[in-house]
C-alpha cells in the first residue's frame, strides 16, 4: 500500500498533536508524579513540553515581538510574590 501526498499530510498533521499530547503526559508522569509522592511541592504553572519547555514563548517575545521586558515581567508577575 503506497500513501499519496494527501495521506502523508493527513498522517503528519494528525500525528503531531497526538505526539504533543503523549509527550506532555509523559513529562507529567516522569517528573511531577514522583515529586508528589515524595510530598514535595512544585512551583505554580505548567512544566511545558519536554525538551522545549517555555522556549516557544521565549522566542516569540525576544525574536518576533522584540520586547524581552514583557516576557520577563510576565514571568515575574506570575511567579514572584
N, C-alpha and C. Protein backbone atom coordinates (compact mmCIF):
# COMPACT_ATOMS: atom_id res chain seq x y z
N UNK A 1 0.84 -1.18 0.00
CA UNK A 1 0.00 0.00 0.00
C UNK A 1 0.89 1.24 0.00
N UNK A 2 0.72 2.06 -0.99
CA UNK A 2 1.52 3.28 -1.12
C UNK A 2 0.66 4.49 -0.75
N UNK A 3 1.20 5.36 0.09
CA UNK A 3 0.47 6.54 0.54
C UNK A 3 0.68 7.70 -0.43
N UNK A 4 -0.38 8.43 -0.70
CA UNK A 4 -0.28 9.61 -1.54
C UNK A 4 0.18 10.79 -0.68
N UNK A 5 0.44 11.91 -1.33
CA UNK A 5 0.89 13.10 -0.63
C UNK A 5 -0.19 13.58 0.34
N UNK A 6 -1.43 13.55 -0.07
CA UNK A 6 -2.52 13.96 0.82
C UNK A 6 -2.60 13.08 2.06
N UNK A 7 -2.40 11.79 1.87
CA UNK A 7 -2.44 10.88 3.02
C UNK A 7 -1.28 11.13 3.96
N UNK A 8 -0.08 11.42 3.41
CA UNK A 8 1.08 11.73 4.26
C UNK A 8 0.84 13.00 5.05
N UNK A 9 0.28 14.01 4.41
CA UNK A 9 -0.02 15.26 5.10
C UNK A 9 -1.03 15.02 6.21
N UNK A 10 -2.03 14.19 5.94
CA UNK A 10 -3.01 13.86 6.97
C UNK A 10 -2.40 13.11 8.14
N UNK A 11 -1.51 12.19 7.84
CA UNK A 11 -0.84 11.43 8.91
C UNK A 11 0.03 12.36 9.74
N UNK A 12 0.78 13.23 9.09
CA UNK A 12 1.68 14.14 9.82
C UNK A 12 0.87 15.14 10.64
N UNK A 13 -0.11 15.79 10.04
CA UNK A 13 -0.89 16.79 10.76
C UNK A 13 -1.77 16.16 11.84
N UNK A 14 -2.19 14.94 11.65
CA UNK A 14 -2.96 14.26 12.68
C UNK A 14 -2.09 13.69 13.78
N UNK A 15 -0.86 13.32 13.41
CA UNK A 15 0.03 12.71 14.38
C UNK A 15 0.76 13.70 15.27
N UNK A 16 1.00 14.91 14.79
CA UNK A 16 1.73 15.89 15.59
C UNK A 16 0.99 16.28 16.87
N UNK A 17 -0.31 16.60 16.81
CA UNK A 17 -0.99 16.89 18.08
C UNK A 17 -1.01 15.70 19.03
N UNK A 18 -1.16 14.52 18.47
CA UNK A 18 -1.15 13.32 19.31
C UNK A 18 0.21 13.12 19.95
N UNK A 19 1.27 13.33 19.20
CA UNK A 19 2.62 13.22 19.74
C UNK A 19 2.85 14.25 20.84
N UNK A 20 2.37 15.48 20.63
CA UNK A 20 2.50 16.51 21.66
C UNK A 20 1.77 16.13 22.94
N UNK A 21 0.57 15.57 22.80
CA UNK A 21 -0.19 15.14 23.97
C UNK A 21 0.51 14.01 24.71
N UNK A 22 1.05 13.06 23.97
CA UNK A 22 1.77 11.95 24.60
C UNK A 22 3.02 12.46 25.31
N UNK A 23 3.76 13.39 24.70
CA UNK A 23 4.95 13.94 25.36
C UNK A 23 4.59 14.71 26.62
N UNK A 24 3.49 15.47 26.59
CA UNK A 24 3.06 16.22 27.76
C UNK A 24 2.69 15.26 28.89
N UNK A 25 1.98 14.20 28.56
CA UNK A 25 1.58 13.20 29.55
C UNK A 25 2.81 12.50 30.13
N UNK A 26 3.78 12.15 29.26
CA UNK A 26 5.00 11.50 29.72
C UNK A 26 5.78 12.42 30.67
N UNK A 27 5.82 13.70 30.34
CA UNK A 27 6.53 14.66 31.18
C UNK A 27 5.92 14.72 32.58
N UNK A 28 4.60 14.74 32.65
CA UNK A 28 3.94 14.74 33.96
C UNK A 28 4.25 13.47 34.74
N UNK A 29 4.18 12.33 34.09
CA UNK A 29 4.47 11.07 34.78
C UNK A 29 5.92 10.99 35.24
N UNK A 30 6.83 11.45 34.41
CA UNK A 30 8.25 11.30 34.72
C UNK A 30 8.72 12.25 35.82
N UNK A 31 8.20 13.50 35.83
CA UNK A 31 8.71 14.49 36.77
C UNK A 31 7.74 14.83 37.91
N UNK A 32 6.49 15.05 37.59
CA UNK A 32 5.57 15.57 38.60
C UNK A 32 5.09 14.49 39.57
N UNK A 33 4.74 13.33 39.07
CA UNK A 33 4.20 12.28 39.94
C UNK A 33 5.21 11.84 41.01
N UNK A 34 6.49 11.58 40.69
CA UNK A 34 7.43 11.22 41.76
C UNK A 34 7.59 12.32 42.82
N UNK A 35 7.53 13.58 42.41
CA UNK A 35 7.64 14.66 43.39
C UNK A 35 6.40 14.72 44.29
N UNK A 36 5.23 14.44 43.71
CA UNK A 36 4.01 14.43 44.52
C UNK A 36 4.03 13.29 45.52
N UNK A 37 4.57 12.16 45.12
CA UNK A 37 4.66 11.01 46.04
C UNK A 37 5.62 11.30 47.18
N UNK A 38 6.64 12.10 46.93
CA UNK A 38 7.62 12.43 47.97
C UNK A 38 7.16 13.63 48.80
N UNK A 39 5.92 14.07 48.60
CA UNK A 39 5.34 15.22 49.31
C UNK A 39 6.15 16.49 49.12
N UNK A 40 6.71 16.66 47.93
CA UNK A 40 7.40 17.89 47.59
C UNK A 40 6.50 18.70 46.67
N UNK A 41 6.57 20.02 46.81
CA UNK A 41 5.71 20.87 46.02
C UNK A 41 6.46 21.45 44.82
N UNK A 42 5.76 21.57 43.72
CA UNK A 42 6.31 22.21 42.54
C UNK A 42 5.85 23.66 42.50
N UNK A 43 6.60 24.52 41.84
CA UNK A 43 6.12 25.90 41.68
C UNK A 43 4.87 25.92 40.82
N UNK A 44 4.07 26.98 40.90
CA UNK A 44 2.85 27.03 40.12
C UNK A 44 3.15 27.11 38.62
N UNK A 45 2.19 26.65 37.83
CA UNK A 45 2.32 26.71 36.38
C UNK A 45 2.59 25.35 35.79
N UNK A 46 2.56 25.30 34.48
CA UNK A 46 2.81 24.04 33.79
C UNK A 46 4.30 23.90 33.52
N UNK A 47 4.71 22.68 33.23
CA UNK A 47 6.12 22.41 33.00
C UNK A 47 6.49 22.54 31.53
N UNK A 48 5.52 22.72 30.66
CA UNK A 48 5.80 22.83 29.23
C UNK A 48 6.07 21.48 28.62
N UNK A 49 6.39 21.48 27.36
CA UNK A 49 6.70 20.23 26.68
C UNK A 49 8.12 19.80 27.01
N UNK A 50 8.37 18.50 27.05
CA UNK A 50 9.73 18.04 27.33
C UNK A 50 10.71 18.55 26.28
N UNK A 51 11.87 18.90 26.69
CA UNK A 51 12.97 19.37 25.84
C UNK A 51 12.70 20.74 25.22
N UNK A 52 11.47 21.24 25.30
CA UNK A 52 11.15 22.54 24.73
C UNK A 52 10.82 23.51 25.85
N UNK A 53 10.02 23.06 26.82
CA UNK A 53 9.66 23.91 27.94
C UNK A 53 8.94 25.16 27.50
N UNK A 54 9.41 26.31 27.91
CA UNK A 54 8.80 27.58 27.59
C UNK A 54 9.56 28.30 26.48
N UNK A 55 10.34 27.56 25.72
CA UNK A 55 11.19 28.14 24.70
C UNK A 55 10.40 28.84 23.60
N UNK A 56 9.23 28.31 23.23
CA UNK A 56 8.44 28.92 22.16
C UNK A 56 7.97 30.31 22.56
N UNK A 57 7.49 30.48 23.79
CA UNK A 57 7.08 31.80 24.26
C UNK A 57 8.29 32.74 24.37
N UNK A 58 9.39 32.21 24.83
CA UNK A 58 10.62 32.99 24.94
C UNK A 58 11.04 33.53 23.57
N UNK A 59 11.08 32.67 22.57
CA UNK A 59 11.47 33.09 21.23
C UNK A 59 10.46 34.06 20.62
N UNK A 60 9.18 33.85 20.92
CA UNK A 60 8.14 34.74 20.41
C UNK A 60 8.36 36.17 20.90
N UNK A 61 8.60 36.32 22.19
CA UNK A 61 8.81 37.65 22.76
C UNK A 61 10.14 38.26 22.32
N UNK A 62 11.19 37.46 22.29
CA UNK A 62 12.52 38.01 22.01
C UNK A 62 12.75 38.24 20.52
N UNK A 63 12.31 37.33 19.66
CA UNK A 63 12.62 37.43 18.24
C UNK A 63 11.53 38.11 17.43
N UNK A 64 10.27 37.74 17.64
CA UNK A 64 9.20 38.27 16.81
C UNK A 64 8.70 39.62 17.31
N UNK A 65 8.40 39.72 18.60
CA UNK A 65 7.88 40.97 19.14
C UNK A 65 8.98 41.98 19.46
N UNK A 66 10.18 41.46 19.71
CA UNK A 66 11.32 42.28 20.12
C UNK A 66 11.01 43.08 21.38
N UNK A 67 10.35 42.41 22.32
CA UNK A 67 10.02 43.02 23.62
C UNK A 67 10.38 42.05 24.74
N UNK A 68 11.65 41.87 25.02
CA UNK A 68 12.04 40.90 26.05
C UNK A 68 11.56 41.28 27.44
N UNK A 69 11.39 42.58 27.69
CA UNK A 69 10.95 43.00 29.02
C UNK A 69 9.55 42.51 29.33
N UNK A 70 8.69 42.42 28.33
CA UNK A 70 7.33 41.92 28.56
C UNK A 70 7.35 40.46 28.99
N UNK A 71 8.22 39.67 28.38
CA UNK A 71 8.35 38.25 28.76
C UNK A 71 8.83 38.13 30.21
N UNK A 72 9.85 38.89 30.53
CA UNK A 72 10.41 38.82 31.88
C UNK A 72 9.41 39.32 32.91
N UNK A 73 8.73 40.42 32.60
CA UNK A 73 7.73 40.95 33.53
C UNK A 73 6.55 40.01 33.70
N UNK A 74 6.14 39.32 32.65
CA UNK A 74 5.05 38.35 32.76
C UNK A 74 5.43 37.21 33.69
N UNK A 75 6.66 36.72 33.56
CA UNK A 75 7.13 35.66 34.47
C UNK A 75 7.25 36.17 35.89
N UNK A 76 7.72 37.39 36.03
CA UNK A 76 7.89 37.97 37.37
C UNK A 76 6.53 38.13 38.04
N UNK A 77 5.52 38.63 37.29
CA UNK A 77 4.18 38.77 37.86
C UNK A 77 3.57 37.42 38.23
N UNK A 78 3.88 36.41 37.44
CA UNK A 78 3.27 35.10 37.67
C UNK A 78 3.90 34.37 38.85
N UNK A 79 5.21 34.46 39.02
CA UNK A 79 5.89 33.61 40.00
C UNK A 79 6.44 34.33 41.22
N UNK A 80 6.60 35.64 41.18
CA UNK A 80 7.16 36.36 42.31
C UNK A 80 6.02 36.98 43.11
N UNK A 81 6.16 36.88 44.41
CA UNK A 81 5.10 37.39 45.29
C UNK A 81 5.17 38.90 45.37
